[in-house]
């Protein structure tokens, strides 16, 4: 029934747009089942079915992320976050009490390089301590827009975090609002004393109740002004900010959009020598 159309699709040139391919195969699900995998997309990649993977666009997934994020103006050519850009990823780590759900956090990406993904967290939390202990974590990073003519990407992976030493050079890269918010939060914790320790010993999700929002704003504003004027010591900053580098052991990416016949799925596995395959 579909013999002539199948022969045409097999011979279709690579320059044919995916939107045209979508129109040709619309309402003809039987065709998609009969076509060979190499003919299902016009980019010469195999199908992006969940149980299958396609040939990745690069040997190092971190370099692929850096290039994609640079093209989307999230970071510069060296992988450093551009000023004022909202660039985040989510991570999940199992707490000490395995009967509790994983701690899920959204953190700001500061840099992506072939060495890993750099970010910071406020010191003292149970999640920060779990990351510092090298506990296995999972991550999720989303970018792009699911709109006609565009593509969206979903990056997922597993690995561990390396605890890094805060340096003054790092402070020149970190957004000031990130630093001051962590310092102000630490100052508020010191005011609460034992209440904070009780929360740190408990499960994820518990937070200090803000009794006086005006006082919170005062502390935040005072901290911001002090930091801008250089009146906060490096010791106090170091006591509040913990830098990490995420080292993935596996990464996968789902990429596609409304014009895609099928999404591409790429996967990389790291070996013991830190090489990707």
Protein backbone atom coordinates (compact mmCIF):
# COMPACT_ATOMS: atom_id res chain seq x y z
CA UNK A 1 0.00 0.00 0.00
CA UNK A 2 2.80 2.38 0.92
CA UNK A 3 5.40 1.00 -1.49
CA UNK A 4 5.71 4.06 -3.77
CA UNK A 5 5.71 6.56 -0.90
CA UNK A 6 8.29 4.56 1.02
CA UNK A 7 10.58 4.51 -2.02
CA UNK A 8 10.21 8.28 -2.29
CA UNK A 9 10.99 8.88 1.38
CA UNK A 10 14.08 6.68 1.22
CA UNK A 11 15.38 8.79 -1.64
CA UNK A 12 14.49 12.14 -0.08
CA UNK A 13 17.50 14.54 -0.04
CA UNK A 14 19.01 15.63 3.31
CA UNK A 15 18.08 19.25 2.55
CA UNK A 16 14.37 18.47 2.89
CA UNK A 17 13.11 20.11 6.06
CA UNK A 18 11.83 18.04 8.97
CA UNK A 19 8.57 20.00 8.79
CA UNK A 20 8.06 18.79 5.21
CA UNK A 21 8.80 15.25 6.35
CA UNK A 22 6.24 15.62 9.13
CA UNK A 23 3.58 16.67 6.64
CA UNK A 24 4.39 13.75 4.35
CA UNK A 25 4.04 11.19 7.13
CA UNK A 26 1.11 12.81 8.95
CA UNK A 27 -1.73 10.37 9.59
CA UNK A 28 0.35 7.57 8.06
CA UNK A 29 1.67 5.78 11.12
CA UNK A 30 2.13 2.61 9.13
CA UNK A 31 4.82 4.28 7.08
CA UNK A 32 6.92 5.08 10.15
CA UNK A 33 6.82 1.45 11.20
CA UNK A 34 8.03 0.27 7.76
CA UNK A 35 10.77 2.81 7.15
CA UNK A 36 14.37 1.90 8.05
CA UNK A 37 15.73 3.83 11.05
CA UNK A 38 18.21 5.83 8.96
CA UNK A 39 15.31 7.26 6.94
CA UNK A 40 13.25 8.45 9.87
CA UNK A 41 15.09 11.74 10.18
CA UNK A 42 16.69 14.02 7.62
CA UNK A 43 19.86 14.47 9.65
CA UNK A 44 21.17 10.96 8.93
CA UNK A 45 20.72 9.93 12.56
CA UNK A 46 18.86 6.86 13.71
CA UNK A 47 15.54 7.00 15.51
CA UNK A 48 15.26 8.64 18.90
CA UNK A 49 13.15 5.97 20.54
CA UNK A 50 13.69 5.84 24.31
CA UNK A 51 15.27 2.37 24.16
CA UNK A 52 17.67 3.47 21.42
CA UNK A 53 20.36 6.12 21.05
CA UNK A 54 21.61 8.13 18.09
CA UNK A 55 25.14 9.05 17.17
CA UNK A 56 26.06 12.03 19.39
CA UNK A 57 27.26 15.33 17.90
CA UNK A 58 30.52 15.20 19.88
CA UNK A 59 32.73 12.83 21.87
CA UNK A 60 32.61 14.90 25.09
CA UNK A 61 29.10 15.76 26.32
CA UNK A 62 30.35 18.62 28.49
CA UNK A 63 31.84 20.27 25.42
CA UNK A 64 28.54 19.75 23.60
CA UNK A 65 26.68 21.44 26.47
CA UNK A 66 29.14 24.35 26.47
CA UNK A 67 28.73 24.91 22.74
CA UNK A 68 24.94 24.69 22.89
CA UNK A 69 24.75 27.07 25.86
CA UNK A 70 27.16 29.47 24.16
CA UNK A 71 24.99 29.45 21.03
CA UNK A 72 21.99 30.27 23.22
CA UNK A 73 23.97 33.14 24.86
CA UNK A 74 23.86 31.56 28.31
CA UNK A 75 27.64 31.54 28.61
CA UNK A 76 30.67 32.92 26.80
CA UNK A 77 33.03 30.90 24.61
CA UNK A 78 34.92 29.75 27.71
CA UNK A 79 31.79 28.41 29.40
CA UNK A 80 31.39 31.19 32.00
CA UNK A 81 27.87 32.41 32.74
CA UNK A 82 26.98 35.68 31.04
CA UNK A 83 26.02 38.56 33.38
CA UNK A 84 22.35 38.65 34.32
CA UNK A 85 21.52 35.32 32.64
CA UNK A 86 19.15 32.84 34.30
CA UNK A 87 21.08 29.58 33.87
CA UNK A 88 20.23 26.74 36.25
CA UNK A 89 20.04 22.98 36.63
CA UNK A 90 18.36 20.73 39.19
CA UNK A 91 20.09 18.08 41.26
CA UNK A 92 18.81 15.35 43.56
CA UNK A 93 20.76 13.58 46.30
CA UNK A 94 19.65 10.93 48.79
CA UNK A 95 19.60 12.16 52.42
CA UNK A 96 21.15 10.30 55.34
CA UNK A 97 17.73 8.84 56.13
CA UNK A 98 17.04 6.69 53.07
CA UNK A 99 13.36 6.41 54.04
CA UNK A 100 13.02 10.09 53.14
CA UNK A 101 12.68 11.36 49.56
CA UNK A 102 15.79 12.71 47.78
CA UNK A 103 16.72 16.32 48.41
CA UNK A 104 15.96 18.26 45.22
CA UNK A 105 17.67 21.59 44.61
CA UNK A 106 17.91 24.07 41.75
CA UNK A 107 21.31 25.74 41.52
CA UNK A 108 22.82 28.36 39.27
CA UNK A 109 25.41 27.23 36.74
CA UNK A 110 28.57 29.30 36.98
CA UNK A 111 30.65 27.53 34.36
CA UNK A 112 30.65 24.50 32.07
CA UNK A 113 33.96 23.04 30.92
CA UNK A 114 35.39 19.66 29.99
CA UNK A 115 36.27 19.32 33.68
CA UNK A 116 32.66 19.51 34.86
CA UNK A 117 29.84 21.88 35.82
CA UNK A 118 30.66 24.49 38.48
CA UNK A 119 28.13 25.89 40.96
CA UNK A 120 27.90 27.11 44.56
CA UNK A 121 25.67 26.34 47.54
CA UNK A 122 25.22 27.79 50.99
CA UNK A 123 27.33 26.00 53.57
CA UNK A 124 25.75 24.17 56.47
CA UNK A 125 22.73 22.54 54.90
CA UNK A 126 22.23 18.79 54.82
CA UNK A 127 22.23 18.83 51.03
CA UNK A 128 25.53 20.72 50.91
CA UNK A 129 27.09 18.22 53.33
CA UNK A 130 25.84 15.29 51.25
CA UNK A 131 27.39 16.75 48.11
CA UNK A 132 30.65 17.47 49.94
CA UNK A 133 30.78 13.82 51.01
CA UNK A 134 30.79 12.75 47.36
CA UNK A 135 27.40 11.06 47.49
CA UNK A 136 25.99 10.04 44.05
CA UNK A 137 23.56 12.54 42.55
CA UNK A 138 21.28 12.93 39.54
CA UNK A 139 20.90 16.13 37.54
CA UNK A 140 18.46 17.66 35.06
CA UNK A 141 19.23 20.60 32.77
CA UNK A 142 16.69 22.14 30.38
CA UNK A 143 17.38 24.68 27.64
CA UNK A 144 15.84 25.94 24.45
CA UNK A 145 12.20 26.52 23.55
CA UNK A 146 9.64 24.09 22.20
CA UNK A 147 8.42 26.35 19.39
CA UNK A 148 8.12 25.97 15.60
CA UNK A 149 11.52 26.43 14.01
CA UNK A 150 13.33 25.93 17.33
CA UNK A 151 14.53 23.02 19.46
CA UNK A 152 14.46 22.15 23.14
CA UNK A 153 17.02 20.04 24.98
CA UNK A 154 16.71 17.94 28.12
CA UNK A 155 19.98 16.84 29.69
CA UNK A 156 19.94 14.14 32.36
CA UNK A 157 22.79 12.38 34.08
CA UNK A 158 24.44 10.95 37.16
CA UNK A 159 27.73 11.53 38.88
CA UNK A 160 29.28 13.08 41.97
CA UNK A 161 30.46 16.50 43.17
CA UNK A 162 33.96 17.61 44.00
CA UNK A 163 34.26 20.03 46.91
CA UNK A 164 36.34 22.99 45.80
CA UNK A 165 38.19 25.67 47.74
CA UNK A 166 36.72 29.14 47.47
CA UNK A 167 39.19 31.65 46.05
CA UNK A 168 39.09 35.38 45.52
CA UNK A 169 39.23 34.74 41.77
CA UNK A 170 35.93 32.84 42.06
CA UNK A 171 34.33 35.82 43.77
CA UNK A 172 35.08 37.95 40.72
CA UNK A 173 33.00 35.54 38.62
CA UNK A 174 30.11 34.81 40.98
CA UNK A 175 27.11 37.19 40.83
CA UNK A 176 27.11 39.53 43.81
CA UNK A 177 23.48 38.72 44.61
CA UNK A 178 24.38 35.04 44.97
CA UNK A 179 27.13 35.81 47.46
CA UNK A 180 25.19 38.35 49.50
CA UNK A 181 22.09 36.16 49.74
CA UNK A 182 24.14 33.30 51.20
CA UNK A 183 25.92 35.59 53.67
CA UNK A 184 22.64 37.18 54.76
CA UNK A 185 21.07 33.76 55.19
CA UNK A 186 23.98 32.71 57.38
CA UNK A 187 23.60 35.82 59.50
CA UNK A 188 19.91 35.08 60.01
CA UNK A 189 20.74 31.50 60.98
CA UNK A 190 23.14 32.75 63.64
CA UNK A 191 20.31 34.80 65.10
CA UNK A 192 18.10 31.69 65.34
CA UNK A 193 20.76 29.51 66.95
CA UNK A 194 19.40 26.14 68.10
CA UNK A 195 16.36 26.32 65.81
CA UNK A 196 18.68 26.11 62.79
CA UNK A 197 20.49 23.06 64.16
CA UNK A 198 17.18 21.28 64.64
CA UNK A 199 16.30 21.87 60.99
CA UNK A 200 19.70 20.70 59.79
CA UNK A 201 19.28 17.47 61.71
CA UNK A 202 15.80 16.92 60.24
CA UNK A 203 14.46 16.00 56.82
CA UNK A 204 14.57 18.03 53.64
CA UNK A 205 11.84 20.57 53.12
CA UNK A 206 11.79 22.16 56.58
CA UNK A 207 12.56 25.86 56.62
CA UNK A 208 12.84 28.62 59.17
CA UNK A 209 9.65 30.59 59.47
CA UNK A 210 10.10 34.28 58.67
CA UNK A 211 8.51 36.03 61.62
CA UNK A 212 9.41 39.53 60.50
CA UNK A 213 9.82 40.14 56.77
CA UNK A 214 10.95 43.72 57.33
CA UNK A 215 13.86 42.46 59.42
CA UNK A 216 14.76 40.00 56.67
CA UNK A 217 14.85 42.81 54.13
CA UNK A 218 16.99 44.93 56.44
CA UNK A 219 19.55 42.15 56.83
CA UNK A 220 19.64 41.52 53.09
CA UNK A 221 20.05 45.19 52.24
CA UNK A 222 22.71 45.75 54.91
CA UNK A 223 24.66 42.74 53.68
CA UNK A 224 24.45 43.91 50.08
CA UNK A 225 25.74 47.37 50.91
CA UNK A 226 28.57 46.00 53.03
CA UNK A 227 29.66 43.66 50.25
CA UNK A 228 29.57 46.41 47.63
CA UNK A 229 31.72 48.60 49.88
CA UNK A 230 34.19 45.79 50.58
CA UNK A 231 33.33 45.66 54.30
CA UNK A 232 32.77 41.89 54.51
CA UNK A 233 35.82 39.77 55.27
CA UNK A 234 36.82 36.84 53.09
CA UNK A 235 36.51 34.62 56.18
CA UNK A 236 32.79 35.41 56.52
CA UNK A 237 32.23 34.81 52.81
CA UNK A 238 34.08 31.50 52.97
CA UNK A 239 31.93 30.45 55.93
CA UNK A 240 28.78 30.94 53.83
CA UNK A 241 29.68 29.88 50.28
CA UNK A 242 30.68 26.40 49.18
CA UNK A 243 31.83 25.90 45.55
CA UNK A 244 31.33 22.53 43.85
CA UNK A 245 32.20 20.91 40.55
CA UNK A 246 29.85 18.25 39.25
CA UNK A 247 31.65 15.36 37.56
CA UNK A 248 29.19 13.33 35.47
CA UNK A 249 29.71 9.60 34.97
CA UNK A 250 26.81 9.35 32.51
CA UNK A 251 24.95 11.96 30.48
CA UNK A 252 22.09 11.77 28.01
CA UNK A 253 20.32 14.39 25.94
CA UNK A 254 16.88 14.46 24.33
CA UNK A 255 16.69 17.11 21.61
CA UNK A 256 13.87 18.07 19.29
CA UNK A 257 10.96 20.39 18.61
CA UNK A 258 7.53 20.68 16.98
CA UNK A 259 9.10 20.27 13.53
CA UNK A 260 10.94 17.06 14.46
CA UNK A 261 9.63 13.75 13.19
CA UNK A 262 11.31 12.08 16.15
CA UNK A 263 13.49 13.47 18.91
CA UNK A 264 17.17 12.62 18.96
CA UNK A 265 18.53 10.86 22.03
CA UNK A 266 22.27 10.90 22.70
CA UNK A 267 24.04 9.12 25.53
CA UNK A 268 27.61 9.14 26.85
CA UNK A 269 29.17 6.81 29.42
CA UNK A 270 32.33 7.68 31.30
CA UNK A 271 34.95 5.04 32.15
CA UNK A 272 37.31 4.79 35.10
CA UNK A 273 39.94 6.83 33.26
CA UNK A 274 37.56 9.73 32.71
CA UNK A 275 37.16 9.00 29.00
CA UNK A 276 33.77 9.18 27.28
CA UNK A 277 32.29 6.55 25.03
